[in-house]
Structure formats: structure tokens, C-alpha cells
Amino acid sequence: MPALILAGLLTRLATLPLIGMTLFIQIFVYPTSWPDHLVWIALLTLLLSRGPGSASFDALTTRLYGGRLASGPHAT
């Protein structure tokens, strides 16, 4: 999942398991290090809400295919 985020490919989808992992670590492994986990959750939430940005593979495929991938091959 971190490799997908660094590449900017399926960023929003890749942040969900990382948020889950961070919450699991916060609750069960290091319950006293909440400031560190709060930073991770904030950054991942930012990526989840805003996306990877204009310099990513997600933006490149959207520019190249114009959103046709999401709508399917037979959309008008």
C-alpha cells in the first residue's frame, strides 16, 4: 500500500488499509504514542479527501483517458 501511495496510483484506495493499520497499532501495540499516530491519521486523511495531486499516475490516466475508464467502454 505505501508503494501505491508513493506512485500516486489508487491513492485513495491505498490509504484505507494504512489508516486501519495505524488505528490497530494505536489501540493494541503502542497506546501511549497517540501524538505520532495522530500525525499519520491526519496525513492519510488529507490524502483520502484530496487525492494524490496533479503529479501522480491517477491524474495522468485521467488526463489521457478523460475519465472513460470509470464510465466503461460503452458509455456515451
PDB file of N, CA and C in Angstrom:
ATOM      1  N   MET A   1       0.796  -1.192   0.000  1.00  0.00           N
ATOM      2  CA  MET A   1       0.000   0.000   0.000  1.00  0.00           C
ATOM      3  C   MET A   1       0.850   1.272   0.000  1.00  0.00           C
ATOM      4  N   PRO A   2       1.924   1.345   0.785  1.00  0.00           N
ATOM      5  CA  PRO A   2       2.732   2.565   0.721  1.00  0.00           C
ATOM      6  C   PRO A   2       3.324   2.804  -0.662  1.00  0.00           C
ATOM      7  N   ALA A   3       3.660   1.737  -1.387  1.00  0.00           N
ATOM      8  CA  ALA A   3       4.208   1.918  -2.732  1.00  0.00           C
ATOM      9  C   ALA A   3       3.164   2.512  -3.666  1.00  0.00           C
ATOM     10  N   LEU A   4       1.915   2.142  -3.507  1.00  0.00           N
ATOM     11  CA  LEU A   4       0.857   2.716  -4.338  1.00  0.00           C
ATOM     12  C   LEU A   4       0.684   4.199  -4.046  1.00  0.00           C
ATOM     13  N   ILE A   5       0.783   4.576  -2.791  1.00  0.00           N
ATOM     14  CA  ILE A   5       0.634   5.989  -2.446  1.00  0.00           C
ATOM     15  C   ILE A   5       1.804   6.792  -2.996  1.00  0.00           C
ATOM     16  N   LEU A   6       3.029   6.263  -2.858  1.00  0.00           N
ATOM     17  CA  LEU A   6       4.194   6.988  -3.377  1.00  0.00           C
ATOM     18  C   LEU A   6       4.128   7.135  -4.891  1.00  0.00           C
ATOM     19  N   ALA A   7       3.586   6.149  -5.564  1.00  0.00           N
ATOM     20  CA  ALA A   7       3.464   6.222  -7.016  1.00  0.00           C
ATOM     21  C   ALA A   7       2.280   7.078  -7.430  1.00  0.00           C
ATOM     22  N   GLY A   8       1.357   7.341  -6.502  1.00  0.00           N
ATOM     23  CA  GLY A   8       0.180   8.103  -6.867  1.00  0.00           C
ATOM     24  C   GLY A   8      -0.817   7.264  -7.653  1.00  0.00           C
ATOM     25  N   LEU A   9      -0.831   5.977  -7.419  1.00  0.00           N
ATOM     26  CA  LEU A   9      -1.715   5.074  -8.139  1.00  0.00           C
ATOM     27  C   LEU A   9      -2.717   4.498  -7.144  1.00  0.00           C
ATOM     28  N   LEU A  10      -3.991   4.739  -7.392  1.00  0.00           N
ATOM     29  CA  LEU A  10      -5.056   4.296  -6.485  1.00  0.00           C
ATOM     30  C   LEU A  10      -4.819   4.796  -5.065  1.00  0.00           C
ATOM     31  N   THR A  11      -4.469   6.051  -4.936  1.00  0.00           N
ATOM     32  CA  THR A  11      -4.064   6.617  -3.659  1.00  0.00           C
ATOM     33  C   THR A  11      -5.175   6.553  -2.625  1.00  0.00           C
ATOM     34  N   ARG A  12      -6.373   6.952  -3.027  1.00  0.00           N
ATOM     35  CA  ARG A  12      -7.470   6.969  -2.051  1.00  0.00           C
ATOM     36  C   ARG A  12      -7.783   5.571  -1.542  1.00  0.00           C
ATOM     37  N   LEU A  13      -7.726   4.601  -2.425  1.00  0.00           N
ATOM     38  CA  LEU A  13      -7.987   3.224  -2.015  1.00  0.00           C
ATOM     39  C   LEU A  13      -6.858   2.694  -1.128  1.00  0.00           C
ATOM     40  N   ALA A  14      -5.641   3.090  -1.403  1.00  0.00           N
ATOM     41  CA  ALA A  14      -4.487   2.593  -0.644  1.00  0.00           C
ATOM     42  C   ALA A  14      -4.400   3.204   0.755  1.00  0.00           C
ATOM     43  N   THR A  15      -5.030   4.353   0.988  1.00  0.00           N
ATOM     44  CA  THR A  15      -4.948   4.952   2.319  1.00  0.00           C
ATOM     45  C   THR A  15      -5.816   4.221   3.338  1.00  0.00           C
ATOM     46  N   LEU A  16      -6.868   3.561   2.901  1.00  0.00           N
ATOM     47  CA  LEU A  16      -7.770   2.914   3.852  1.00  0.00           C
ATOM     48  C   LEU A  16      -7.101   1.817   4.676  1.00  0.00           C
ATOM     49  N   PRO A  17      -6.339   0.881   4.066  1.00  0.00           N
ATOM     50  CA  PRO A  17      -5.652  -0.102   4.909  1.00  0.00           C
ATOM     51  C   PRO A  17      -4.597   0.522   5.829  1.00  0.00           C
ATOM     52  N   LEU A  18      -3.967   1.594   5.384  1.00  0.00           N
ATOM     53  CA  LEU A  18      -2.963   2.238   6.231  1.00  0.00           C
ATOM     54  C   LEU A  18      -3.603   2.930   7.425  1.00  0.00           C
ATOM     55  N   ILE A  19      -4.779   3.516   7.237  1.00  0.00           N
ATOM     56  CA  ILE A  19      -5.498   4.097   8.369  1.00  0.00           C
ATOM     57  C   ILE A  19      -5.893   2.994   9.345  1.00  0.00           C
ATOM     58  N   GLY A  20      -6.373   1.876   8.816  1.00  0.00           N
ATOM     59  CA  GLY A  20      -6.721   0.747   9.679  1.00  0.00           C
ATOM     60  C   GLY A  20      -5.530   0.214  10.440  1.00  0.00           C
ATOM     61  N   MET A  21      -4.390   0.114   9.776  1.00  0.00           N
ATOM     62  CA  MET A  21      -3.183  -0.366  10.431  1.00  0.00           C
ATOM     63  C   MET A  21      -2.744   0.599  11.535  1.00  0.00           C
ATOM     64  N   THR A  22      -2.825   1.890  11.260  1.00  0.00           N
ATOM     65  CA  THR A  22      -2.442   2.890  12.254  1.00  0.00           C
ATOM     66  C   THR A  22      -3.354   2.822  13.474  1.00  0.00           C
ATOM     67  N   LEU A  23      -4.646   2.659  13.235  1.00  0.00           N
ATOM     68  CA  LEU A  23      -5.573   2.538  14.363  1.00  0.00           C
ATOM     69  C   LEU A  23      -5.310   1.268  15.167  1.00  0.00           C
ATOM     70  N   PHE A  24      -5.027   0.171  14.500  1.00  0.00           N
ATOM     71  CA  PHE A  24      -4.719  -1.085  15.186  1.00  0.00           C
ATOM     72  C   PHE A  24      -3.479  -0.934  16.054  1.00  0.00           C
ATOM     73  N   ILE A  25      -2.437  -0.332  15.501  1.00  0.00           N
ATOM     74  CA  ILE A  25      -1.204  -0.131  16.264  1.00  0.00           C
ATOM     75  C   ILE A  25      -1.457   0.790  17.454  1.00  0.00           C
ATOM     76  N   GLN A  26      -2.246   1.832  17.241  1.00  0.00           N
ATOM     77  CA  GLN A  26      -2.551   2.755  18.326  1.00  0.00           C
ATOM     78  C   GLN A  26      -3.297   2.055  19.457  1.00  0.00           C
ATOM     79  N   ILE A  27      -4.258   1.234  19.119  1.00  0.00           N
ATOM     80  CA  ILE A  27      -5.093   0.607  20.144  1.00  0.00           C
ATOM     81  C   ILE A  27      -4.383  -0.554  20.831  1.00  0.00           C
ATOM     82  N   PHE A  28      -3.717  -1.431  20.072  1.00  0.00           N
ATOM     83  CA  PHE A  28      -3.228  -2.676  20.631  1.00  0.00           C
ATOM     84  C   PHE A  28      -1.714  -2.738  20.886  1.00  0.00           C
ATOM     85  N   VAL A  29      -0.922  -1.939  20.184  1.00  0.00           N
ATOM     86  CA  VAL A  29       0.530  -2.082  20.294  1.00  0.00           C
ATOM     87  C   VAL A  29       1.156  -0.951  21.115  1.00  0.00           C
ATOM     88  N   TYR A  30       0.944   0.285  20.684  1.00  0.00           N
ATOM     89  CA  TYR A  30       1.525   1.439  21.383  1.00  0.00           C
ATOM     90  C   TYR A  30       0.425   2.418  21.774  1.00  0.00           C
ATOM     91  N   PRO A  31      -0.350   2.123  22.775  1.00  0.00           N
ATOM     92  CA  PRO A  31      -1.468   3.005  23.125  1.00  0.00           C
ATOM     93  C   PRO A  31      -1.055   4.367  23.682  1.00  0.00           C
ATOM     94  N   THR A  32       0.183   4.522  24.096  1.00  0.00           N
ATOM     95  CA  THR A  32       0.606   5.811  24.664  1.00  0.00           C
ATOM     96  C   THR A  32       1.213   6.758  23.636  1.00  0.00           C
ATOM     97  N   SER A  33       1.453   6.303  22.437  1.00  0.00           N
ATOM     98  CA  SER A  33       2.078   7.187  21.442  1.00  0.00           C
ATOM     99  C   SER A  33       1.035   7.776  20.491  1.00  0.00           C
ATOM    100  N   TRP A  34      -0.022   8.312  21.063  1.00  0.00           N
ATOM    101  CA  TRP A  34      -1.081   8.882  20.243  1.00  0.00           C
ATOM    102  C   TRP A  34      -0.660  10.116  19.447  1.00  0.00           C
ATOM    103  N   PRO A  35       0.312  10.948  19.886  1.00  0.00           N
ATOM    104  CA  PRO A  35       0.693  12.085  19.034  1.00  0.00           C
ATOM    105  C   PRO A  35       1.268  11.645  17.681  1.00  0.00           C
ATOM    106  N   ASP A  36       2.075  10.599  17.688  1.00  0.00           N
ATOM    107  CA  ASP A  36       2.630  10.107  16.421  1.00  0.00           C
ATOM    108  C   ASP A  36       1.537   9.569  15.511  1.00  0.00           C
ATOM    109  N   HIS A  37       0.631   8.816  16.097  1.00  0.00           N
ATOM    110  CA  HIS A  37      -0.429   8.225  15.289  1.00  0.00           C
ATOM    111  C   HIS A  37      -1.418   9.272  14.803  1.00  0.00           C
ATOM    112  N   LEU A  38      -1.602  10.325  15.578  1.00  0.00           N
ATOM    113  CA  LEU A  38      -2.481  11.410  15.156  1.00  0.00           C
ATOM    114  C   LEU A  38      -1.931  12.106  13.915  1.00  0.00           C
ATOM    115  N   VAL A  39      -0.623  12.262  13.856  1.00  0.00           N
ATOM    116  CA  VAL A  39       0.008  12.861  12.664  1.00  0.00           C
ATOM    117  C   VAL A  39      -0.214  11.971  11.445  1.00  0.00           C
ATOM    118  N   TRP A  40      -0.006  10.654  11.610  1.00  0.00           N
ATOM    119  CA  TRP A  40      -0.208   9.728  10.495  1.00  0.00           C
ATOM    120  C   TRP A  40      -1.658   9.737  10.015  1.00  0.00           C
ATOM    121  N   ILE A  41      -2.585   9.709  10.957  1.00  0.00           N
ATOM    122  CA  ILE A  41      -4.004   9.713  10.593  1.00  0.00           C
ATOM    123  C   ILE A  41      -4.361  11.015   9.877  1.00  0.00           C
ATOM    124  N   ALA A  42      -3.829  12.141  10.329  1.00  0.00           N
ATOM    125  CA  ALA A  42      -4.122  13.430   9.693  1.00  0.00           C
ATOM    126  C   ALA A  42      -3.600  13.459   8.255  1.00  0.00           C
ATOM    127  N   LEU A  43      -2.378  12.986   8.056  1.00  0.00           N
ATOM    128  CA  LEU A  43      -1.818  12.987   6.700  1.00  0.00           C
ATOM    129  C   LEU A  43      -2.555  12.020   5.773  1.00  0.00           C
ATOM    130  N   LEU A  44      -2.900  10.860   6.287  1.00  0.00           N
ATOM    131  CA  LEU A  44      -3.630   9.905   5.462  1.00  0.00           C
ATOM    132  C   LEU A  44      -5.045  10.394   5.156  1.00  0.00           C
ATOM    133  N   THR A  45      -5.660  11.078   6.107  1.00  0.00           N
ATOM    134  CA  THR A  45      -6.990  11.641   5.863  1.00  0.00           C
ATOM    135  C   THR A  45      -6.924  12.741   4.809  1.00  0.00           C
ATOM    136  N   LEU A  46      -5.864  13.504   4.818  1.00  0.00           N
ATOM    137  CA  LEU A  46      -5.673  14.522   3.787  1.00  0.00           C
ATOM    138  C   LEU A  46      -5.564  13.879   2.403  1.00  0.00           C
ATOM    139  N   LEU A  47      -4.789  12.811   2.293  1.00  0.00           N
ATOM    140  CA  LEU A  47      -4.685  12.098   1.021  1.00  0.00           C
ATOM    141  C   LEU A  47      -6.017  11.474   0.621  1.00  0.00           C
ATOM    142  N   LEU A  48      -6.751  10.960   1.589  1.00  0.00           N
ATOM    143  CA  LEU A  48      -8.040  10.338   1.310  1.00  0.00           C
ATOM    144  C   LEU A  48      -9.047  11.359   0.810  1.00  0.00           C
ATOM    145  N   SER A  49      -9.034  12.545   1.376  1.00  0.00           N
ATOM    146  CA  SER A  49     -10.031  13.548   1.000  1.00  0.00           C
ATOM    147  C   SER A  49      -9.654  14.328  -0.257  1.00  0.00           C
ATOM    148  N   ARG A  50      -8.381  14.624  -0.451  1.00  0.00           N
ATOM    149  CA  ARG A  50      -7.975  15.466  -1.577  1.00  0.00           C
ATOM    150  C   ARG A  50      -7.363  14.712  -2.740  1.00  0.00           C
ATOM    151  N   GLY A  51      -6.923  13.504  -2.521  1.00  0.00           N
ATOM    152  CA  GLY A  51      -6.299  12.734  -3.589  1.00  0.00           C
ATOM    153  C   GLY A  51      -4.818  13.007  -3.688  1.00  0.00           C
ATOM    154  N   PRO A  52      -4.156  12.398  -4.663  1.00  0.00           N
ATOM    155  CA  PRO A  52      -2.704  12.472  -4.743  1.00  0.00           C
ATOM    156  C   PRO A  52      -2.163  13.764  -5.351  1.00  0.00           C
ATOM    157  N   GLY A  53      -2.953  14.505  -6.077  1.00  0.00           N
ATOM    158  CA  GLY A  53      -2.473  15.734  -6.689  1.00  0.00           C
ATOM    159  C   GLY A  53      -2.262  15.588  -8.184  1.00  0.00           C
ATOM    160  N   SER A  54      -1.748  16.625  -8.795  1.00  0.00           N
ATOM    161  CA  SER A  54      -1.627  16.650 -10.256  1.00  0.00           C
ATOM    162  C   SER A  54      -0.406  15.898 -10.776  1.00  0.00           C
ATOM    163  N   ALA A  55       0.581  15.640  -9.920  1.00  0.00           N
ATOM    164  CA  ALA A  55       1.777  14.917 -10.355  1.00  0.00           C
ATOM    165  C   ALA A  55       1.699  13.464  -9.891  1.00  0.00           C
ATOM    166  N   SER A  56       0.700  12.733 -10.395  1.00  0.00           N
ATOM    167  CA  SER A  56       0.513  11.342  -9.992  1.00  0.00           C
ATOM    168  C   SER A  56       0.029  10.528 -11.188  1.00  0.00           C
ATOM    169  N   PHE A  57       0.104   9.221 -11.044  1.00  0.00           N
ATOM    170  CA  PHE A  57      -0.390   8.347 -12.115  1.00  0.00           C
ATOM    171  C   PHE A  57      -1.900   8.431 -12.234  1.00  0.00           C
ATOM    172  N   ASP A  58      -2.597   8.664 -11.130  1.00  0.00           N
ATOM    173  CA  ASP A  58      -4.044   8.832 -11.183  1.00  0.00           C
ATOM    174  C   ASP A  58      -4.420  10.024 -12.053  1.00  0.00           C
ATOM    175  N   ALA A  59      -3.745  11.148 -11.851  1.00  0.00           N
ATOM    176  CA  ALA A  59      -4.032  12.342 -12.651  1.00  0.00           C
ATOM    177  C   ALA A  59      -3.627  12.139 -14.106  1.00  0.00           C
ATOM    178  N   LEU A  60      -2.524  11.432 -14.326  1.00  0.00           N
ATOM    179  CA  LEU A  60      -2.073  11.178 -15.691  1.00  0.00           C
ATOM    180  C   LEU A  60      -3.078  10.329 -16.457  1.00  0.00           C
ATOM    181  N   THR A  61      -3.571   9.266 -15.850  1.00  0.00           N
ATOM    182  CA  THR A  61      -4.547   8.423 -16.541  1.00  0.00           C
ATOM    183  C   THR A  61      -5.861   9.163 -16.763  1.00  0.00           C
ATOM    184  N   THR A  62      -6.232  10.035 -15.848  1.00  0.00           N
ATOM    185  CA  THR A  62      -7.439  10.829 -16.051  1.00  0.00           C
ATOM    186  C   THR A  62      -7.259  11.787 -17.220  1.00  0.00           C
ATOM    187  N   ARG A  63      -6.071  12.383 -17.332  1.00  0.00           N
ATOM    188  CA  ARG A  63      -5.821  13.291 -18.459  1.00  0.00           C
ATOM    189  C   ARG A  63      -5.777  12.533 -19.783  1.00  0.00           C
ATOM    190  N   LEU A  64      -5.152  11.355 -19.781  1.00  0.00           N
ATOM    191  CA  LEU A  64      -5.018  10.596 -21.023  1.00  0.00           C
ATOM    192  C   LEU A  64      -6.335  10.008 -21.501  1.00  0.00           C
ATOM    193  N   TYR A  65      -7.103   9.465 -20.573  1.00  0.00           N
ATOM    194  CA  TYR A  65      -8.335   8.777 -20.960  1.00  0.00           C
ATOM    195  C   TYR A  65      -9.584   9.603 -20.715  1.00  0.00           C
ATOM    196  N   GLY A  66      -9.447  10.742 -20.090  1.00  0.00           N
ATOM    197  CA  GLY A  66     -10.566  11.657 -19.903  1.00  0.00           C
ATOM    198  C   GLY A  66     -11.722  11.093 -19.090  1.00  0.00           C
ATOM    199  N   GLY A  67     -11.446  10.224 -18.139  1.00  0.00           N
ATOM    200  CA  GLY A  67     -12.495   9.663 -17.313  1.00  0.00           C
ATOM    201  C   GLY A  67     -13.247   8.527 -17.968  1.00  0.00           C
ATOM    202  N   ARG A  68     -12.826   8.075 -19.149  1.00  0.00           N
ATOM    203  CA  ARG A  68     -13.517   6.998 -19.835  1.00  0.00           C
ATOM    204  C   ARG A  68     -13.347   5.650 -19.129  1.00  0.00           C
ATOM    205  N   LEU A  69     -12.295   5.506 -18.344  1.00  0.00           N
ATOM    206  CA  LEU A  69     -12.088   4.241 -17.632  1.00  0.00           C
ATOM    207  C   LEU A  69     -13.159   4.018 -16.574  1.00  0.00           C
ATOM    208  N   ALA A  70     -13.562   5.066 -15.910  1.00  0.00           N
ATOM    209  CA  ALA A  70     -14.554   4.930 -14.851  1.00  0.00           C
ATOM    210  C   ALA A  70     -15.948   4.666 -15.404  1.00  0.00           C
ATOM    211  N   SER A  71     -16.244   5.200 -16.578  1.00  0.00           N
ATOM    212  CA  SER A  71     -17.581   5.061 -17.109  1.00  0.00           C
ATOM    213  C   SER A  71     -17.766   3.805 -17.953  1.00  0.00           C
ATOM    214  N   GLY A  72     -16.680   3.140 -18.305  1.00  0.00           N
ATOM    215  CA  GLY A  72     -16.801   1.900 -19.071  1.00  0.00           C
ATOM    216  C   GLY A  72     -16.648   2.139 -20.564  1.00  0.00           C
ATOM    217  N   PRO A  73     -16.469   1.065 -21.336  1.00  0.00           N
ATOM    218  CA  PRO A  73     -16.180   1.215 -22.753  1.00  0.00           C
ATOM    219  C   PRO A  73     -17.400   1.592 -23.592  1.00  0.00           C
ATOM    220  N   HIS A  74     -18.607   1.344 -23.108  1.00  0.00           N
ATOM    221  CA  HIS A  74     -19.793   1.596 -23.918  1.00  0.00           C
ATOM    222  C   HIS A  74     -20.541   2.849 -23.506  1.00  0.00           C
ATOM    223  N   ALA A  75     -19.947   3.675 -22.677  1.00  0.00           N
ATOM    224  CA  ALA A  75     -20.615   4.901 -22.244  1.00  0.00           C
ATOM    225  C   ALA A  75     -20.577   5.928 -23.362  1.00  0.00           C
ATOM    226  N   THR A  76     -21.589   6.742 -23.399  1.00  0.00           N
ATOM    227  CA  THR A  76     -21.654   7.793 -24.427  1.00  0.00           C
ATOM    228  C   THR A  76     -21.396   9.139 -23.862  1.00  0.00           C
TER     229      THR A  76
END
